[in-house]
């Protein structure tokens, strides 16, 4: 990962999962060694508490050599433990001979994750007022549509309160995360991420 560290100040007061987006440019002729290094550091990070997974976006062409690594931890505190570890520091020392320039670094936390697009990796999240507007636009139809569909079905099951509400909320969160927000982020991409 990048030699830059996340601090509480860079995250503000946000709690919950933290997404770190790092861009590395492998040196020409070191691509295979870099891939081995990448596999090693990700395996090492996965041993730390709070690690939630990694996504690696490889270069589109052999001339590009730019790798984007998206790592998630469940909290700033767990990320900080990994960030400050001797294991990570040793990997960063080994990285110097495998990459060009300084690694680029960005972070996302909380709802920012809904606004990350694979086609524009490493982009900082849009302004909060834009995120709030798009979330409102996405959530309103779900609130109007999902409960009228789920309430009659769940009432037949005679589930105790607040189980029906929890099930309805879970369905809306899943839809927002995996269907609605990716669609909305692409629809509003030019406005959210102006060039």
N, C-alpha and C. Protein backbone atom coordinates (compact mmCIF):
# COMPACT_ATOMS: atom_id res chain seq x y z
N UNK A 1 0.84 -1.19 0.00
CA UNK A 1 0.00 0.00 0.00
C UNK A 1 0.87 1.23 0.00
N UNK A 2 0.25 2.35 -0.17
CA UNK A 2 0.98 3.60 -0.24
C UNK A 2 1.73 3.89 1.02
N UNK A 3 2.82 4.66 0.88
CA UNK A 3 3.58 5.06 2.05
C UNK A 3 2.86 6.15 2.83
N UNK A 4 1.82 6.73 2.27
CA UNK A 4 1.06 7.73 2.99
C UNK A 4 0.14 7.02 3.97
N UNK A 5 -0.03 7.62 5.14
CA UNK A 5 -0.87 7.02 6.16
C UNK A 5 -2.19 7.78 6.30
N UNK A 6 -3.22 7.03 6.67
CA UNK A 6 -4.50 7.65 6.97
C UNK A 6 -4.46 8.13 8.41
N UNK A 7 -4.95 9.32 8.65
CA UNK A 7 -5.06 9.83 10.01
C UNK A 7 -6.53 10.08 10.31
N UNK A 8 -6.85 10.23 11.58
CA UNK A 8 -8.22 10.53 11.97
C UNK A 8 -8.66 11.85 11.33
N UNK A 9 -7.69 12.78 11.16
CA UNK A 9 -8.01 14.08 10.58
C UNK A 9 -8.45 13.94 9.12
N UNK A 10 -7.78 13.05 8.36
CA UNK A 10 -8.13 12.90 6.94
C UNK A 10 -9.50 12.26 6.78
N UNK A 11 -9.93 11.49 7.78
CA UNK A 11 -11.24 10.85 7.71
C UNK A 11 -12.33 11.70 8.34
N UNK A 12 -11.96 12.73 9.07
CA UNK A 12 -12.95 13.53 9.78
C UNK A 12 -13.56 12.72 10.91
N UNK A 13 -14.86 12.87 11.13
CA UNK A 13 -15.51 12.19 12.24
C UNK A 13 -16.24 10.92 11.79
N UNK A 14 -16.04 10.50 10.56
CA UNK A 14 -16.75 9.35 10.02
C UNK A 14 -16.39 8.08 10.75
N UNK A 15 -17.40 7.27 11.01
CA UNK A 15 -17.16 5.96 11.62
C UNK A 15 -17.61 4.90 10.63
N UNK A 16 -17.29 3.64 10.95
CA UNK A 16 -17.70 2.56 10.07
C UNK A 16 -16.60 2.19 9.10
N UNK A 17 -16.94 1.40 8.07
CA UNK A 17 -15.93 0.90 7.13
C UNK A 17 -15.16 2.00 6.42
N UNK A 18 -13.90 1.68 6.14
CA UNK A 18 -13.01 2.62 5.45
C UNK A 18 -12.48 1.92 4.20
N UNK A 19 -12.55 2.60 3.07
CA UNK A 19 -12.03 2.07 1.81
C UNK A 19 -10.80 2.87 1.42
N UNK A 20 -9.70 2.17 1.15
CA UNK A 20 -8.45 2.82 0.74
C UNK A 20 -8.21 2.46 -0.72
N UNK A 21 -7.98 3.49 -1.54
CA UNK A 21 -7.73 3.29 -2.97
C UNK A 21 -6.30 3.73 -3.26
N UNK A 22 -5.47 2.80 -3.69
CA UNK A 22 -4.06 3.10 -3.95
C UNK A 22 -3.75 2.77 -5.41
N UNK A 23 -3.03 3.67 -6.06
CA UNK A 23 -2.61 3.45 -7.44
C UNK A 23 -1.09 3.32 -7.49
N UNK A 24 -0.61 2.19 -7.99
CA UNK A 24 0.83 1.93 -8.15
C UNK A 24 1.14 1.83 -9.64
N UNK A 25 2.28 2.36 -10.04
CA UNK A 25 2.74 2.17 -11.43
C UNK A 25 3.99 1.29 -11.38
N UNK A 26 3.86 0.07 -11.87
CA UNK A 26 4.98 -0.87 -11.85
C UNK A 26 6.07 -0.43 -12.82
N UNK A 27 7.33 -0.61 -12.42
CA UNK A 27 8.44 -0.31 -13.32
C UNK A 27 8.42 -1.28 -14.50
N UNK A 28 8.81 -0.78 -15.65
CA UNK A 28 8.89 -1.64 -16.83
C UNK A 28 9.86 -2.79 -16.55
N UNK A 29 9.43 -4.00 -16.84
CA UNK A 29 10.26 -5.18 -16.60
C UNK A 29 10.09 -5.77 -15.20
N UNK A 30 9.38 -5.05 -14.32
CA UNK A 30 9.17 -5.53 -12.93
C UNK A 30 7.72 -5.95 -12.68
N UNK A 31 6.94 -6.06 -13.74
CA UNK A 31 5.51 -6.32 -13.57
C UNK A 31 5.24 -7.62 -12.83
N UNK A 32 5.95 -8.69 -13.19
CA UNK A 32 5.71 -9.98 -12.53
C UNK A 32 6.13 -9.94 -11.07
N UNK A 33 7.28 -9.31 -10.78
CA UNK A 33 7.72 -9.17 -9.39
C UNK A 33 6.72 -8.33 -8.60
N UNK A 34 6.18 -7.29 -9.24
CA UNK A 34 5.19 -6.45 -8.58
C UNK A 34 3.94 -7.25 -8.23
N UNK A 35 3.49 -8.12 -9.16
CA UNK A 35 2.31 -8.94 -8.89
C UNK A 35 2.54 -9.87 -7.70
N UNK A 36 3.75 -10.41 -7.59
CA UNK A 36 4.08 -11.27 -6.44
C UNK A 36 4.04 -10.44 -5.15
N UNK A 37 4.61 -9.22 -5.21
CA UNK A 37 4.60 -8.32 -4.06
C UNK A 37 3.15 -8.00 -3.65
N UNK A 38 2.31 -7.72 -4.64
CA UNK A 38 0.92 -7.37 -4.39
C UNK A 38 0.17 -8.51 -3.73
N UNK A 39 0.41 -9.71 -4.22
CA UNK A 39 -0.23 -10.89 -3.64
C UNK A 39 0.22 -11.06 -2.18
N UNK A 40 1.50 -10.83 -1.93
CA UNK A 40 2.04 -10.99 -0.59
C UNK A 40 1.48 -9.98 0.40
N UNK A 41 1.43 -8.69 0.01
CA UNK A 41 0.95 -7.67 0.95
C UNK A 41 -0.55 -7.84 1.22
N UNK A 42 -1.30 -8.26 0.21
CA UNK A 42 -2.73 -8.46 0.42
C UNK A 42 -3.00 -9.66 1.32
N UNK A 43 -2.18 -10.70 1.18
CA UNK A 43 -2.32 -11.85 2.07
C UNK A 43 -1.96 -11.45 3.50
N UNK A 44 -0.92 -10.64 3.66
CA UNK A 44 -0.51 -10.17 4.99
C UNK A 44 -1.61 -9.31 5.61
N UNK A 45 -2.20 -8.40 4.83
CA UNK A 45 -3.26 -7.53 5.35
C UNK A 45 -4.47 -8.34 5.78
N UNK A 46 -4.74 -9.43 5.06
CA UNK A 46 -5.93 -10.24 5.37
C UNK A 46 -5.83 -10.93 6.73
N UNK A 47 -4.63 -10.99 7.30
CA UNK A 47 -4.44 -11.61 8.62
C UNK A 47 -4.80 -10.65 9.74
N UNK A 48 -5.03 -9.39 9.41
CA UNK A 48 -5.29 -8.37 10.44
C UNK A 48 -6.79 -8.22 10.69
N UNK A 49 -7.13 -7.97 11.95
CA UNK A 49 -8.52 -7.82 12.35
C UNK A 49 -9.16 -6.66 11.60
N UNK A 50 -10.39 -6.86 11.17
CA UNK A 50 -11.13 -5.80 10.51
C UNK A 50 -10.98 -5.77 9.00
N UNK A 51 -10.05 -6.58 8.45
CA UNK A 51 -9.85 -6.64 7.00
C UNK A 51 -11.12 -7.17 6.34
N UNK A 52 -11.62 -6.45 5.32
CA UNK A 52 -12.88 -6.85 4.68
C UNK A 52 -12.71 -7.28 3.22
N UNK A 53 -11.50 -7.16 2.70
CA UNK A 53 -11.29 -7.63 1.33
C UNK A 53 -10.54 -6.63 0.48
N UNK A 54 -10.14 -7.11 -0.69
CA UNK A 54 -9.38 -6.29 -1.63
C UNK A 54 -9.89 -6.54 -3.04
N UNK A 55 -9.84 -5.49 -3.85
CA UNK A 55 -10.14 -5.61 -5.28
C UNK A 55 -8.96 -5.01 -6.02
N UNK A 56 -8.46 -5.72 -7.02
CA UNK A 56 -7.32 -5.23 -7.80
C UNK A 56 -7.77 -5.02 -9.24
N UNK A 57 -7.54 -3.81 -9.73
CA UNK A 57 -7.84 -3.49 -11.12
C UNK A 57 -6.51 -3.42 -11.86
N UNK A 58 -6.30 -4.38 -12.75
CA UNK A 58 -5.03 -4.46 -13.47
C UNK A 58 -5.04 -3.51 -14.67
N UNK A 59 -3.86 -3.18 -15.20
CA UNK A 59 -3.78 -2.26 -16.35
C UNK A 59 -4.55 -2.80 -17.54
N UNK A 60 -5.10 -1.88 -18.34
CA UNK A 60 -5.85 -2.27 -19.54
C UNK A 60 -4.93 -2.69 -20.67
N UNK A 61 -3.67 -2.24 -20.61
CA UNK A 61 -2.72 -2.60 -21.66
C UNK A 61 -1.34 -2.78 -21.04
N UNK A 62 -0.45 -3.45 -21.77
CA UNK A 62 0.90 -3.69 -21.25
C UNK A 62 1.70 -2.40 -21.13
N UNK A 63 1.33 -1.39 -21.89
CA UNK A 63 2.06 -0.12 -21.83
C UNK A 63 1.63 0.73 -20.64
N UNK A 64 0.49 0.44 -20.08
CA UNK A 64 -0.06 1.25 -18.98
C UNK A 64 0.68 1.00 -17.66
N UNK A 65 0.73 -0.24 -17.21
CA UNK A 65 1.44 -0.67 -15.99
C UNK A 65 0.92 -0.05 -14.70
N UNK A 66 -0.31 0.51 -14.71
CA UNK A 66 -0.87 1.13 -13.52
C UNK A 66 -1.89 0.18 -12.88
N UNK A 67 -1.67 -0.13 -11.62
CA UNK A 67 -2.53 -1.03 -10.86
C UNK A 67 -3.29 -0.24 -9.81
N UNK A 68 -4.59 -0.49 -9.71
CA UNK A 68 -5.39 0.16 -8.68
C UNK A 68 -5.80 -0.91 -7.68
N UNK A 69 -5.50 -0.64 -6.41
CA UNK A 69 -5.79 -1.57 -5.33
C UNK A 69 -6.82 -0.92 -4.41
N UNK A 70 -7.95 -1.59 -4.20
CA UNK A 70 -9.02 -1.07 -3.35
C UNK A 70 -9.14 -2.02 -2.15
N UNK A 71 -8.78 -1.50 -0.98
CA UNK A 71 -8.77 -2.31 0.25
C UNK A 71 -9.79 -1.75 1.22
N UNK A 72 -10.53 -2.67 1.87
CA UNK A 72 -11.52 -2.22 2.87
C UNK A 72 -11.23 -2.80 4.24
N UNK A 73 -11.34 -1.93 5.25
CA UNK A 73 -11.29 -2.35 6.65
C UNK A 73 -12.58 -1.90 7.32
N UNK A 74 -12.97 -2.59 8.39
CA UNK A 74 -14.25 -2.28 9.02
C UNK A 74 -14.23 -1.03 9.88
N UNK A 75 -13.04 -0.47 10.17
CA UNK A 75 -12.97 0.75 10.98
C UNK A 75 -11.62 1.41 10.79
N UNK A 76 -11.57 2.68 11.12
CA UNK A 76 -10.30 3.42 11.09
C UNK A 76 -9.29 2.78 12.05
N UNK A 77 -9.77 2.38 13.23
CA UNK A 77 -8.87 1.83 14.24
C UNK A 77 -8.16 0.57 13.73
N UNK A 78 -8.91 -0.33 13.08
CA UNK A 78 -8.29 -1.55 12.56
C UNK A 78 -7.36 -1.25 11.39
N UNK A 79 -7.76 -0.29 10.56
CA UNK A 79 -6.88 0.12 9.47
C UNK A 79 -5.57 0.69 10.01
N UNK A 80 -5.67 1.48 11.07
CA UNK A 80 -4.48 2.11 11.66
C UNK A 80 -3.51 1.05 12.19
N UNK A 81 -4.05 -0.01 12.80
CA UNK A 81 -3.19 -1.09 13.30
C UNK A 81 -2.39 -1.69 12.14
N UNK A 82 -3.07 -1.95 11.02
CA UNK A 82 -2.38 -2.48 9.83
C UNK A 82 -1.40 -1.45 9.29
N UNK A 83 -1.84 -0.20 9.19
CA UNK A 83 -0.99 0.87 8.65
C UNK A 83 0.31 1.03 9.43
N UNK A 84 0.23 0.87 10.74
CA UNK A 84 1.39 1.07 11.62
C UNK A 84 2.23 -0.18 11.82
N UNK A 85 1.84 -1.28 11.20
CA UNK A 85 2.51 -2.56 11.46
C UNK A 85 3.89 -2.63 10.80
N UNK A 86 4.78 -3.37 11.45
CA UNK A 86 6.12 -3.61 10.89
C UNK A 86 6.04 -4.40 9.58
N UNK A 87 5.05 -5.29 9.50
CA UNK A 87 4.87 -6.11 8.29
C UNK A 87 4.61 -5.20 7.09
N UNK A 88 3.67 -4.28 7.23
CA UNK A 88 3.35 -3.36 6.14
C UNK A 88 4.55 -2.48 5.80
N UNK A 89 5.24 -1.98 6.82
CA UNK A 89 6.40 -1.12 6.58
C UNK A 89 7.48 -1.84 5.78
N UNK A 90 7.68 -3.12 6.06
CA UNK A 90 8.68 -3.89 5.31
C UNK A 90 8.25 -4.06 3.85
N UNK A 91 6.95 -4.30 3.63
CA UNK A 91 6.45 -4.39 2.25
C UNK A 91 6.64 -3.07 1.51
N UNK A 92 6.45 -1.94 2.20
CA UNK A 92 6.62 -0.64 1.56
C UNK A 92 8.08 -0.40 1.17
N UNK A 93 9.00 -0.89 1.99
CA UNK A 93 10.43 -0.78 1.66
C UNK A 93 10.72 -1.59 0.39
N UNK A 94 10.17 -2.80 0.32
CA UNK A 94 10.37 -3.65 -0.86
C UNK A 94 9.73 -3.06 -2.12
N UNK A 95 8.67 -2.27 -1.93
CA UNK A 95 7.94 -1.69 -3.06
C UNK A 95 8.78 -0.69 -3.85
N UNK A 96 9.66 0.02 -3.18
CA UNK A 96 10.42 1.12 -3.81
C UNK A 96 11.14 0.69 -5.08
N UNK A 97 11.67 -0.52 -5.10
CA UNK A 97 12.43 -0.97 -6.27
C UNK A 97 11.53 -1.50 -7.40
N UNK A 98 10.21 -1.59 -7.13
CA UNK A 98 9.30 -2.20 -8.10
C UNK A 98 8.38 -1.21 -8.80
N UNK A 99 8.33 0.03 -8.31
CA UNK A 99 7.39 1.00 -8.87
C UNK A 99 8.07 2.30 -9.28
N UNK A 100 7.38 3.02 -10.15
CA UNK A 100 7.82 4.35 -10.56
C UNK A 100 7.03 5.38 -9.75
N UNK A 101 7.66 6.47 -9.41
CA UNK A 101 6.99 7.56 -8.71
C UNK A 101 6.43 7.12 -7.36
N UNK A 102 5.77 8.05 -6.70
CA UNK A 102 5.11 7.76 -5.43
C UNK A 102 3.72 7.21 -5.71
N UNK A 103 3.30 6.24 -4.92
CA UNK A 103 1.95 5.69 -5.09
C UNK A 103 0.92 6.77 -4.81
N UNK A 104 -0.17 6.76 -5.57
CA UNK A 104 -1.27 7.70 -5.34
C UNK A 104 -2.24 7.08 -4.36
N UNK A 105 -2.80 7.91 -3.53
CA UNK A 105 -3.58 7.42 -2.42
C UNK A 105 -4.87 8.22 -2.25
N UNK A 106 -5.96 7.54 -1.97
CA UNK A 106 -7.23 8.20 -1.65
C UNK A 106 -7.98 7.30 -0.69
N UNK A 107 -8.89 7.87 0.03
CA UNK A 107 -9.70 7.07 0.94
C UNK A 107 -11.16 7.42 0.80
N UNK A 108 -11.99 6.48 1.19
CA UNK A 108 -13.42 6.69 1.23
C UNK A 108 -13.93 6.06 2.51
N UNK A 109 -14.94 6.65 3.07
CA UNK A 109 -15.53 6.08 4.28
C UNK A 109 -17.03 6.30 4.25
N UNK A 110 -17.75 5.50 5.02
CA UNK A 110 -19.19 5.66 5.09
C UNK A 110 -19.86 5.52 3.74
N UNK A 111 -20.73 6.46 3.41
CA UNK A 111 -21.53 6.38 2.18
C UNK A 111 -20.72 6.69 0.93
N UNK A 112 -19.49 7.22 1.10
CA UNK A 112 -18.66 7.50 -0.07
C UNK A 112 -18.50 6.27 -0.95
N UNK A 113 -18.53 5.08 -0.32
CA UNK A 113 -18.32 3.83 -1.05
C UNK A 113 -19.38 3.63 -2.14
N UNK A 114 -20.61 4.18 -1.90
CA UNK A 114 -21.67 4.06 -2.90
C UNK A 114 -21.32 4.79 -4.18
N UNK A 115 -20.38 5.73 -4.11
CA UNK A 115 -20.07 6.58 -5.25
C UNK A 115 -18.73 6.24 -5.91
N UNK A 116 -18.23 5.02 -5.66
CA UNK A 116 -16.99 4.61 -6.33
C UNK A 116 -17.35 3.83 -7.58
N UNK A 117 -16.71 4.21 -8.69
CA UNK A 117 -16.96 3.54 -9.97
C UNK A 117 -15.68 2.89 -10.46
N UNK A 118 -15.74 1.62 -10.91
CA UNK A 118 -14.53 0.95 -11.39
C UNK A 118 -13.86 1.66 -12.55
N UNK A 119 -14.66 2.35 -13.39
CA UNK A 119 -14.07 3.01 -14.56
C UNK A 119 -13.32 4.29 -14.20
N UNK A 120 -13.52 4.80 -12.98
CA UNK A 120 -12.74 5.97 -12.54
C UNK A 120 -12.17 5.68 -11.15
N UNK A 121 -11.30 4.66 -11.04
CA UNK A 121 -10.76 4.29 -9.73
C UNK A 121 -9.89 5.39 -9.14
N UNK A 122 -9.90 5.45 -7.81
CA UNK A 122 -9.04 6.39 -7.12
C UNK A 122 -9.58 7.80 -7.08
N UNK A 123 -10.75 8.03 -7.66
CA UNK A 123 -11.33 9.37 -7.67
C UNK A 123 -11.87 9.69 -6.28
N UNK A 124 -11.60 10.90 -5.81
CA UNK A 124 -12.14 11.31 -4.53
C UNK A 124 -13.66 11.42 -4.63
N UNK A 125 -14.39 11.21 -3.50
CA UNK A 125 -15.85 11.24 -3.55
C UNK A 125 -16.36 12.63 -3.91
N UNK A 126 -17.57 12.70 -4.47
CA UNK A 126 -18.15 13.99 -4.83
C UNK A 126 -18.47 14.81 -3.58
N UNK A 127 -18.80 16.10 -3.73
CA UNK A 127 -19.21 16.91 -2.58
C UNK A 127 -20.42 16.31 -1.89
N UNK A 128 -20.52 16.55 -0.58
CA UNK A 128 -21.59 15.94 0.21
C UNK A 128 -22.99 16.34 -0.27
N UNK A 129 -23.17 17.58 -0.73
CA UNK A 129 -24.51 17.99 -1.17
C UNK A 129 -24.93 17.21 -2.42
N UNK A 130 -23.97 16.87 -3.29
CA UNK A 130 -24.30 16.08 -4.48
C UNK A 130 -24.63 14.64 -4.08
N UNK A 131 -23.84 14.08 -3.14
CA UNK A 131 -24.13 12.72 -2.68
C UNK A 131 -25.50 12.66 -2.03
N UNK A 132 -25.81 13.65 -1.18
CA UNK A 132 -27.11 13.68 -0.49
C UNK A 132 -28.26 13.73 -1.50
N UNK A 133 -28.12 14.54 -2.54
CA UNK A 133 -29.17 14.66 -3.54
C UNK A 133 -29.39 13.34 -4.27
N UNK A 134 -28.31 12.69 -4.71
CA UNK A 134 -28.44 11.43 -5.46
C UNK A 134 -28.99 10.32 -4.56
N UNK A 135 -28.56 10.28 -3.30
CA UNK A 135 -29.10 9.28 -2.36
C UNK A 135 -30.59 9.50 -2.17
N UNK A 136 -30.99 10.76 -1.97
CA UNK A 136 -32.42 11.08 -1.82
C UNK A 136 -33.20 10.64 -3.05
N UNK A 137 -32.65 10.94 -4.22
CA UNK A 137 -33.30 10.59 -5.48
C UNK A 137 -33.44 9.07 -5.62
N UNK A 138 -32.43 8.33 -5.16
CA UNK A 138 -32.44 6.86 -5.27
C UNK A 138 -33.34 6.23 -4.22
N UNK A 139 -33.35 6.80 -3.02
CA UNK A 139 -34.06 6.19 -1.90
C UNK A 139 -35.56 6.43 -1.94
N UNK A 140 -35.98 7.57 -2.46
CA UNK A 140 -37.40 7.92 -2.46
C UNK A 140 -38.27 6.87 -3.17
N UNK A 141 -37.93 6.45 -4.40
CA UNK A 141 -38.77 5.42 -5.04
C UNK A 141 -38.78 4.09 -4.27
N UNK A 142 -37.64 3.74 -3.67
CA UNK A 142 -37.60 2.50 -2.90
C UNK A 142 -38.53 2.57 -1.70
N UNK A 143 -38.53 3.72 -1.01
CA UNK A 143 -39.41 3.88 0.16
C UNK A 143 -40.87 3.81 -0.26
N UNK A 144 -41.18 4.35 -1.44
CA UNK A 144 -42.56 4.35 -1.92
C UNK A 144 -43.00 2.98 -2.47
N UNK A 145 -42.04 2.20 -2.98
CA UNK A 145 -42.39 0.93 -3.64
C UNK A 145 -42.22 -0.32 -2.76
N UNK A 146 -41.10 -0.42 -2.05
CA UNK A 146 -40.78 -1.67 -1.36
C UNK A 146 -41.73 -1.98 -0.19
N UNK A 147 -41.96 -1.05 0.76
CA UNK A 147 -42.86 -1.40 1.87
C UNK A 147 -44.27 -1.85 1.44
N UNK A 148 -44.91 -1.18 0.45
CA UNK A 148 -46.23 -1.69 0.04
C UNK A 148 -46.20 -3.10 -0.52
N UNK A 149 -45.05 -3.50 -1.07
CA UNK A 149 -44.93 -4.87 -1.60
C UNK A 149 -44.63 -5.86 -0.48
N UNK A 150 -43.70 -5.51 0.41
CA UNK A 150 -43.26 -6.45 1.44
C UNK A 150 -44.24 -6.57 2.61
N UNK A 151 -44.92 -5.47 2.98
CA UNK A 151 -45.79 -5.52 4.17
C UNK A 151 -46.90 -6.57 4.07
N UNK A 152 -47.64 -6.65 2.95
CA UNK A 152 -48.67 -7.70 2.87
C UNK A 152 -48.08 -9.12 2.93
N UNK A 153 -46.95 -9.30 2.27
CA UNK A 153 -46.32 -10.63 2.27
C UNK A 153 -45.83 -11.02 3.66
N UNK A 154 -45.18 -10.08 4.34
CA UNK A 154 -44.63 -10.36 5.66
C UNK A 154 -45.72 -10.47 6.73
N UNK A 155 -46.84 -9.75 6.54
CA UNK A 155 -47.92 -9.84 7.53
C UNK A 155 -48.55 -11.23 7.53
N UNK A 156 -48.55 -11.91 6.38
CA UNK A 156 -49.08 -13.28 6.31
C UNK A 156 -48.23 -14.25 7.12
N UNK A 157 -46.95 -13.91 7.30
CA UNK A 157 -46.05 -14.78 8.08
C UNK A 157 -46.20 -14.57 9.58
N UNK A 158 -46.93 -13.53 9.97
CA UNK A 158 -47.17 -13.21 11.39
C UNK A 158 -45.86 -13.13 12.18
N UNK A 159 -44.90 -12.42 11.62
CA UNK A 159 -43.61 -12.26 12.29
C UNK A 159 -43.72 -11.23 13.41
N UNK A 160 -43.00 -11.45 14.50
CA UNK A 160 -43.06 -10.47 15.60
C UNK A 160 -42.34 -9.17 15.22
N UNK A 161 -42.83 -8.06 15.79
CA UNK A 161 -42.15 -6.78 15.58
C UNK A 161 -40.81 -6.80 16.28
N UNK A 162 -39.77 -6.18 15.76
CA UNK A 162 -39.70 -5.35 14.56
C UNK A 162 -39.16 -6.12 13.35
N UNK A 163 -39.31 -7.45 13.33
CA UNK A 163 -38.74 -8.28 12.27
C UNK A 163 -39.19 -7.86 10.86
N UNK A 164 -40.47 -7.59 10.61
CA UNK A 164 -40.85 -7.17 9.25
C UNK A 164 -40.13 -5.89 8.80
N UNK A 165 -40.01 -4.93 9.72
CA UNK A 165 -39.32 -3.68 9.37
C UNK A 165 -37.85 -3.94 9.09
N UNK A 166 -37.22 -4.82 9.87
CA UNK A 166 -35.81 -5.14 9.66
C UNK A 166 -35.59 -5.83 8.31
N UNK A 167 -36.49 -6.72 7.94
CA UNK A 167 -36.38 -7.41 6.65
C UNK A 167 -36.55 -6.41 5.50
N UNK A 168 -37.53 -5.52 5.62
CA UNK A 168 -37.76 -4.50 4.60
C UNK A 168 -36.54 -3.60 4.45
N UNK A 169 -35.98 -3.16 5.58
CA UNK A 169 -34.78 -2.31 5.55
C UNK A 169 -33.61 -3.04 4.91
N UNK A 170 -33.43 -4.31 5.26
CA UNK A 170 -32.33 -5.10 4.70
C UNK A 170 -32.46 -5.20 3.18
N UNK A 171 -33.68 -5.41 2.70
CA UNK A 171 -33.90 -5.49 1.25
C UNK A 171 -33.54 -4.16 0.58
N UNK A 172 -33.91 -3.05 1.21
CA UNK A 172 -33.63 -1.74 0.63
C UNK A 172 -32.14 -1.45 0.61
N UNK A 173 -31.44 -1.82 1.67
CA UNK A 173 -29.98 -1.60 1.72
C UNK A 173 -29.28 -2.41 0.64
N UNK A 174 -29.69 -3.67 0.48
CA UNK A 174 -29.08 -4.53 -0.55
C UNK A 174 -29.36 -3.94 -1.95
N UNK A 175 -30.59 -3.53 -2.19
CA UNK A 175 -30.92 -2.93 -3.49
C UNK A 175 -30.13 -1.65 -3.73
N UNK A 176 -30.02 -0.80 -2.70
CA UNK A 176 -29.27 0.46 -2.83
C UNK A 176 -27.81 0.17 -3.15
N UNK A 177 -27.22 -0.77 -2.42
CA UNK A 177 -25.79 -1.03 -2.55
C UNK A 177 -25.42 -1.70 -3.85
N UNK A 178 -26.19 -2.70 -4.26
CA UNK A 178 -25.78 -3.51 -5.41
C UNK A 178 -26.50 -3.20 -6.71
N UNK A 179 -27.59 -2.45 -6.67
CA UNK A 179 -28.31 -2.18 -7.90
C UNK A 179 -28.54 -0.69 -8.13
N UNK A 180 -29.20 -0.04 -7.19
CA UNK A 180 -29.64 1.33 -7.42
C UNK A 180 -28.48 2.32 -7.45
N UNK A 181 -27.61 2.29 -6.44
CA UNK A 181 -26.53 3.28 -6.39
C UNK A 181 -25.50 3.12 -7.50
N UNK A 182 -25.09 1.90 -7.88
CA UNK A 182 -24.21 1.80 -9.05
C UNK A 182 -24.85 2.39 -10.31
N UNK A 183 -26.16 2.16 -10.48
CA UNK A 183 -26.87 2.72 -11.63
C UNK A 183 -26.93 4.25 -11.54
N UNK A 184 -27.28 4.77 -10.37
CA UNK A 184 -27.38 6.22 -10.19
C UNK A 184 -26.02 6.90 -10.34
N UNK A 185 -24.97 6.27 -9.83
CA UNK A 185 -23.63 6.85 -9.95
C UNK A 185 -23.22 6.97 -11.41
N UNK A 186 -23.60 5.98 -12.22
CA UNK A 186 -23.28 6.04 -13.65
C UNK A 186 -24.16 7.07 -14.37
N UNK A 187 -25.43 7.12 -14.00
CA UNK A 187 -26.35 8.08 -14.64
C UNK A 187 -25.91 9.52 -14.38
N UNK A 188 -25.41 9.78 -13.16
CA UNK A 188 -25.04 11.14 -12.77
C UNK A 188 -23.53 11.34 -12.78
N UNK A 189 -22.80 10.46 -13.46
CA UNK A 189 -21.34 10.48 -13.41
C UNK A 189 -20.77 11.84 -13.81
N UNK A 190 -21.26 12.43 -14.89
CA UNK A 190 -20.71 13.71 -15.36
C UNK A 190 -20.91 14.82 -14.34
N UNK A 191 -22.03 14.78 -13.63
CA UNK A 191 -22.32 15.81 -12.62
C UNK A 191 -21.57 15.56 -11.32
N UNK A 192 -21.47 14.27 -10.94
CA UNK A 192 -20.80 13.91 -9.69
C UNK A 192 -19.28 14.06 -9.81
N UNK A 193 -18.75 13.67 -10.96
CA UNK A 193 -17.29 13.67 -11.18
C UNK A 193 -16.94 14.50 -12.40
N UNK A 194 -17.15 15.82 -12.36
CA UNK A 194 -16.81 16.63 -13.54
C UNK A 194 -15.33 16.58 -13.84
N UNK A 195 -14.97 16.62 -15.11
CA UNK A 195 -13.57 16.54 -15.51
C UNK A 195 -12.85 17.84 -15.17
